[in-house]
């Protein structure tokens, strides 16, 4: 329970009535429970949809769901998406890329990447068949949090500070196996074969991002992990759209 609270407090800005101690390697160890936190975020979205759907047109209700998710997570991973986009636009050395990602300012390319990412997520959510929508709302935040575990375990540190450094030091194979098993079970239970195929495709996508990051930066950073999480959310919804009609 203590590790779940640590994971929940890191991944969301939702206040909790309890506080727990956090030792040096607890952040990494808590990654085993990241998918459960993602499932909790999904449950919050389902609850919001239950309230909003009877009151508002779906176009507005789904836009509010995207906004709610951004607020609940403190836009933490959206920041990673924009920072990586700015780094890609610089086309400089590894050191230049890392320097740009560390800059708190958002450049033009980062802003474009942020807007496109949110639009893609919104449009993909809006296009989901109504009968699958709430299952997808539960699943896609969970799949993205598992991607964070996949990005972290076995990775090198691209820099000697930052959140990525803290997580890489504490997460290992046990965290990856536990997080993966939980995600696979929920994917199959909620969306059956379409969910499992989507998870496999996302695993390959994340594996590619991880390989690129090690080749380009010599490892991963918190921004790259956050960017991978956002891309997993977007492509999870897109893959489900492509597969649900065929696999059910």
Protein backbone atom coordinates (compact mmCIF):
# COMPACT_ATOMS: atom_id res chain seq x y z
CA UNK A 1 0.00 0.00 0.00
CA UNK A 2 2.87 2.37 0.79
CA UNK A 3 4.40 1.90 -2.66
CA UNK A 4 1.01 2.45 -4.32
CA UNK A 5 0.63 5.76 -2.49
CA UNK A 6 4.13 6.78 -3.58
CA UNK A 7 3.31 5.90 -7.20
CA UNK A 8 -0.06 7.66 -7.02
CA UNK A 9 1.44 10.82 -5.56
CA UNK A 10 4.09 10.91 -8.27
CA UNK A 11 1.78 10.24 -11.22
CA UNK A 12 -1.11 12.49 -10.17
CA UNK A 13 -1.74 15.74 -8.33
CA UNK A 14 -4.78 14.33 -6.53
CA UNK A 15 -4.34 15.06 -2.79
CA UNK A 16 -4.45 12.11 -0.41
CA UNK A 17 -5.35 12.24 3.28
CA UNK A 18 -2.24 10.20 4.15
CA UNK A 19 1.49 10.68 3.71
CA UNK A 20 4.20 8.01 3.64
CA UNK A 21 7.96 7.98 3.86
CA UNK A 22 9.85 7.61 0.59
CA UNK A 23 13.31 6.07 0.70
CA UNK A 24 15.96 6.34 -2.01
CA UNK A 25 14.90 3.37 -4.13
CA UNK A 26 11.18 3.47 -3.39
CA UNK A 27 10.39 5.46 -6.55
CA UNK A 28 11.82 2.70 -8.70
CA UNK A 29 10.21 -0.07 -6.66
CA UNK A 30 6.83 1.66 -6.89
CA UNK A 31 6.89 1.23 -10.67
CA UNK A 32 5.47 -2.28 -10.23
CA UNK A 33 2.23 -0.48 -9.31
CA UNK A 34 2.29 2.17 -12.05
CA UNK A 35 -0.28 0.28 -14.17
CA UNK A 36 -2.65 0.12 -11.18
CA UNK A 37 -2.34 3.89 -10.82
CA UNK A 38 -3.11 4.16 -14.54
CA UNK A 39 -6.18 1.98 -13.99
CA UNK A 40 -7.22 4.29 -11.13
CA UNK A 41 -6.86 7.31 -13.43
CA UNK A 42 -8.97 5.44 -15.98
CA UNK A 43 -11.62 4.80 -13.33
CA UNK A 44 -11.72 8.55 -12.61
CA UNK A 45 -12.27 9.17 -16.33
CA UNK A 46 -15.05 6.59 -16.45
CA UNK A 47 -16.69 8.27 -13.46
CA UNK A 48 -16.42 11.66 -15.15
CA UNK A 49 -17.87 10.23 -18.36
CA UNK A 50 -20.76 8.74 -16.41
CA UNK A 51 -21.59 12.23 -15.13
CA UNK A 52 -20.89 14.19 -18.33
CA UNK A 53 -22.37 11.89 -20.98
CA UNK A 54 -26.07 12.48 -20.11
CA UNK A 55 -25.58 16.25 -19.83
CA UNK A 56 -23.38 17.25 -22.77
CA UNK A 57 -22.82 16.41 -26.43
CA UNK A 58 -20.12 13.77 -26.84
CA UNK A 59 -17.84 16.20 -28.69
CA UNK A 60 -17.67 18.44 -25.63
CA UNK A 61 -17.75 15.64 -23.04
CA UNK A 62 -14.75 13.89 -24.63
CA UNK A 63 -12.82 17.14 -24.81
CA UNK A 64 -13.46 17.62 -21.11
CA UNK A 65 -12.18 14.08 -20.46
CA UNK A 66 -8.89 14.93 -22.17
CA UNK A 67 -8.71 18.13 -20.09
CA UNK A 68 -9.49 16.25 -16.87
CA UNK A 69 -6.75 13.73 -17.54
CA UNK A 70 -4.25 16.51 -18.20
CA UNK A 71 -5.23 18.23 -14.96
CA UNK A 72 -5.21 15.06 -12.83
CA UNK A 73 -1.70 14.16 -14.02
CA UNK A 74 -0.42 17.71 -13.70
CA UNK A 75 0.48 17.64 -17.43
CA UNK A 76 3.70 15.93 -16.32
CA UNK A 77 4.12 13.77 -19.40
CA UNK A 78 2.85 16.40 -21.81
CA UNK A 79 5.86 18.43 -20.72
CA UNK A 80 8.07 15.51 -21.74
CA UNK A 81 6.41 15.35 -25.16
CA UNK A 82 7.00 19.05 -25.84
CA UNK A 83 10.60 18.94 -24.56
CA UNK A 84 11.50 15.97 -26.77
CA UNK A 85 9.93 17.70 -29.78
CA UNK A 86 12.04 20.79 -29.09
CA UNK A 87 15.14 18.62 -28.76
CA UNK A 88 14.44 16.90 -32.07
CA UNK A 89 14.05 20.24 -33.78
CA UNK A 90 17.46 21.44 -32.61
CA UNK A 91 19.34 18.75 -34.60
CA UNK A 92 22.45 19.25 -32.53
CA UNK A 93 24.74 17.08 -30.45
CA UNK A 94 23.65 14.83 -27.58
CA UNK A 95 24.64 17.55 -25.11
CA UNK A 96 22.59 20.12 -27.01
CA UNK A 97 19.55 17.82 -27.03
CA UNK A 98 19.80 17.26 -23.27
CA UNK A 99 20.28 20.98 -22.65
CA UNK A 100 17.16 21.88 -24.61
CA UNK A 101 15.05 19.28 -22.80
CA UNK A 102 16.18 20.71 -19.47
CA UNK A 103 15.11 24.23 -20.49
CA UNK A 104 11.78 25.10 -18.88
CA UNK A 105 10.73 27.20 -21.88
CA UNK A 106 8.61 25.66 -24.63
CA UNK A 107 9.74 26.28 -28.20
CA UNK A 108 7.64 26.51 -31.35
CA UNK A 109 8.11 22.85 -32.30
CA UNK A 110 7.36 21.73 -28.75
CA UNK A 111 4.13 23.74 -28.80
CA UNK A 112 3.12 22.21 -32.13
CA UNK A 113 3.88 18.72 -30.83
CA UNK A 114 1.82 19.39 -27.71
CA UNK A 115 -1.19 20.63 -29.68
CA UNK A 116 -1.02 17.78 -32.18
CA UNK A 117 -0.70 15.23 -29.38
CA UNK A 118 -3.78 16.53 -27.58
CA UNK A 119 -5.77 16.75 -30.81
CA UNK A 120 -4.89 13.21 -31.81
CA UNK A 121 -5.87 11.92 -28.37
CA UNK A 122 -9.16 13.81 -28.47
CA UNK A 123 -10.09 12.75 -31.99
CA UNK A 124 -9.20 9.11 -31.34
CA UNK A 125 -11.26 9.09 -28.14
CA UNK A 126 -14.18 10.76 -29.92
CA UNK A 127 -14.11 8.16 -32.71
CA UNK A 128 -14.29 5.15 -30.37
CA UNK A 129 -17.51 3.14 -30.66
CA UNK A 130 -19.71 3.93 -27.64
CA UNK A 131 -19.86 0.29 -26.53
CA UNK A 132 -16.06 0.19 -26.13
CA UNK A 133 -15.46 3.70 -24.87
CA UNK A 134 -15.41 3.08 -21.12
CA UNK A 135 -13.30 -0.03 -21.44
CA UNK A 136 -10.82 2.03 -23.46
CA UNK A 137 -10.92 4.81 -20.85
CA UNK A 138 -9.86 2.27 -18.23
CA UNK A 139 -7.22 0.69 -20.41
CA UNK A 140 -5.27 3.42 -22.20
CA UNK A 141 -3.90 5.24 -19.09
CA UNK A 142 -2.86 1.85 -17.71
CA UNK A 143 -1.06 0.82 -20.91
CA UNK A 144 0.83 4.13 -20.96
CA UNK A 145 1.99 3.69 -17.35
CA UNK A 146 3.26 0.22 -18.18
CA UNK A 147 5.23 1.83 -21.02
CA UNK A 148 6.95 4.01 -18.42
CA UNK A 149 8.09 0.86 -16.63
CA UNK A 150 9.27 -0.68 -19.90
CA UNK A 151 11.20 2.48 -20.75
CA UNK A 152 12.90 2.52 -17.36
CA UNK A 153 13.87 -1.08 -16.58
CA UNK A 154 17.24 -2.03 -18.03
CA UNK A 155 17.96 1.47 -19.32
CA UNK A 156 21.05 3.58 -18.93
CA UNK A 157 20.85 7.04 -17.40
CA UNK A 158 21.31 9.75 -20.04
CA UNK A 159 22.11 12.29 -17.31
CA UNK A 160 23.18 12.08 -13.69
CA UNK A 161 20.25 13.98 -12.26
CA UNK A 162 16.51 14.34 -12.77
CA UNK A 163 13.56 12.01 -12.27
CA UNK A 164 14.72 9.50 -14.84
CA UNK A 165 17.90 8.96 -12.85
CA UNK A 166 15.94 8.26 -9.65
CA UNK A 167 13.65 5.68 -11.27
CA UNK A 168 16.32 3.83 -13.25
CA UNK A 169 18.25 3.26 -10.02
CA UNK A 170 15.39 1.47 -8.26
CA UNK A 171 13.40 -0.38 -10.94
CA UNK A 172 14.32 -3.89 -12.03
CA UNK A 173 13.03 -7.05 -13.67
CA UNK A 174 10.60 -7.78 -10.83
CA UNK A 175 8.86 -4.43 -11.35
CA UNK A 176 8.64 -5.03 -15.11
CA UNK A 177 7.19 -8.54 -14.71
CA UNK A 178 4.62 -7.52 -12.10
CA UNK A 179 3.54 -4.44 -14.04
CA UNK A 180 3.39 -6.39 -17.29
CA UNK A 181 1.36 -9.26 -15.85
CA UNK A 182 -1.19 -6.87 -14.37
CA UNK A 183 -1.52 -4.96 -17.65
CA UNK A 184 -1.92 -8.10 -19.76
CA UNK A 185 -4.67 -9.46 -17.49
CA UNK A 186 -6.64 -6.21 -17.59
CA UNK A 187 -6.16 -5.82 -21.37
CA UNK A 188 -7.60 -9.26 -21.96
CA UNK A 189 -10.44 -8.82 -19.48
CA UNK A 190 -11.54 -5.43 -20.80
CA UNK A 191 -10.94 -5.64 -24.54
CA UNK A 192 -10.16 -9.30 -25.22
CA UNK A 193 -8.04 -10.01 -28.31
CA UNK A 194 -8.07 -6.38 -29.48
CA UNK A 195 -6.66 -5.32 -26.12
CA UNK A 196 -3.90 -7.92 -26.18
CA UNK A 197 -2.88 -7.11 -29.77
CA UNK A 198 -2.89 -3.40 -28.93
CA UNK A 199 -0.64 -4.07 -25.96
CA UNK A 200 1.77 -6.03 -28.15
CA UNK A 201 1.92 -3.20 -30.69
CA UNK A 202 2.51 -0.69 -27.90
CA UNK A 203 5.30 -2.87 -26.50
CA UNK A 204 7.02 -2.76 -29.91
CA UNK A 205 6.51 1.01 -30.16
CA UNK A 206 8.02 1.55 -26.71
CA UNK A 207 10.91 -0.79 -27.49
CA UNK A 208 11.67 1.34 -30.55
CA UNK A 209 11.55 4.60 -28.57
CA UNK A 210 13.82 3.09 -25.92
CA UNK A 211 16.34 1.94 -28.54
CA UNK A 212 16.31 5.34 -30.24
CA UNK A 213 16.86 7.12 -26.92
CA UNK A 214 19.87 4.97 -26.07
CA UNK A 215 21.37 5.51 -29.51
CA UNK A 216 20.70 9.25 -29.61
CA UNK A 217 21.18 10.21 -25.95
CA UNK A 218 23.07 7.31 -24.42
CA UNK A 219 20.12 6.37 -22.20
CA UNK A 220 16.76 7.71 -21.05
CA UNK A 221 15.63 10.81 -19.20
CA UNK A 222 12.40 11.69 -17.42
CA UNK A 223 11.34 13.71 -20.46
CA UNK A 224 11.85 10.79 -22.83
CA UNK A 225 9.88 8.49 -20.50
CA UNK A 226 7.09 11.07 -20.35
CA UNK A 227 7.11 11.45 -24.13
CA UNK A 228 6.87 7.67 -24.56
CA UNK A 229 3.92 7.63 -22.15
CA UNK A 230 2.05 10.27 -24.16
CA UNK A 231 2.75 8.47 -27.44
CA UNK A 232 1.46 5.26 -25.90
CA UNK A 233 -1.78 6.96 -24.88
CA UNK A 234 -2.29 8.32 -28.39
CA UNK A 235 -1.39 5.14 -30.23
CA UNK A 236 -3.30 2.95 -27.80
CA UNK A 237 -6.51 4.71 -28.82
CA UNK A 238 -5.54 4.64 -32.51
CA UNK A 239 -4.68 0.93 -32.45
CA UNK A 240 -7.94 0.15 -30.67
CA UNK A 241 -9.86 2.05 -33.32
CA UNK A 242 -8.17 0.00 -36.04
CA UNK A 243 -8.65 -3.34 -34.27
CA UNK A 244 -11.98 -3.26 -32.45
CA UNK A 245 -14.09 -3.62 -35.58
CA UNK A 246 -12.00 -6.56 -36.75
CA UNK A 247 -11.16 -8.41 -33.54
CA UNK A 248 -13.86 -7.22 -31.14
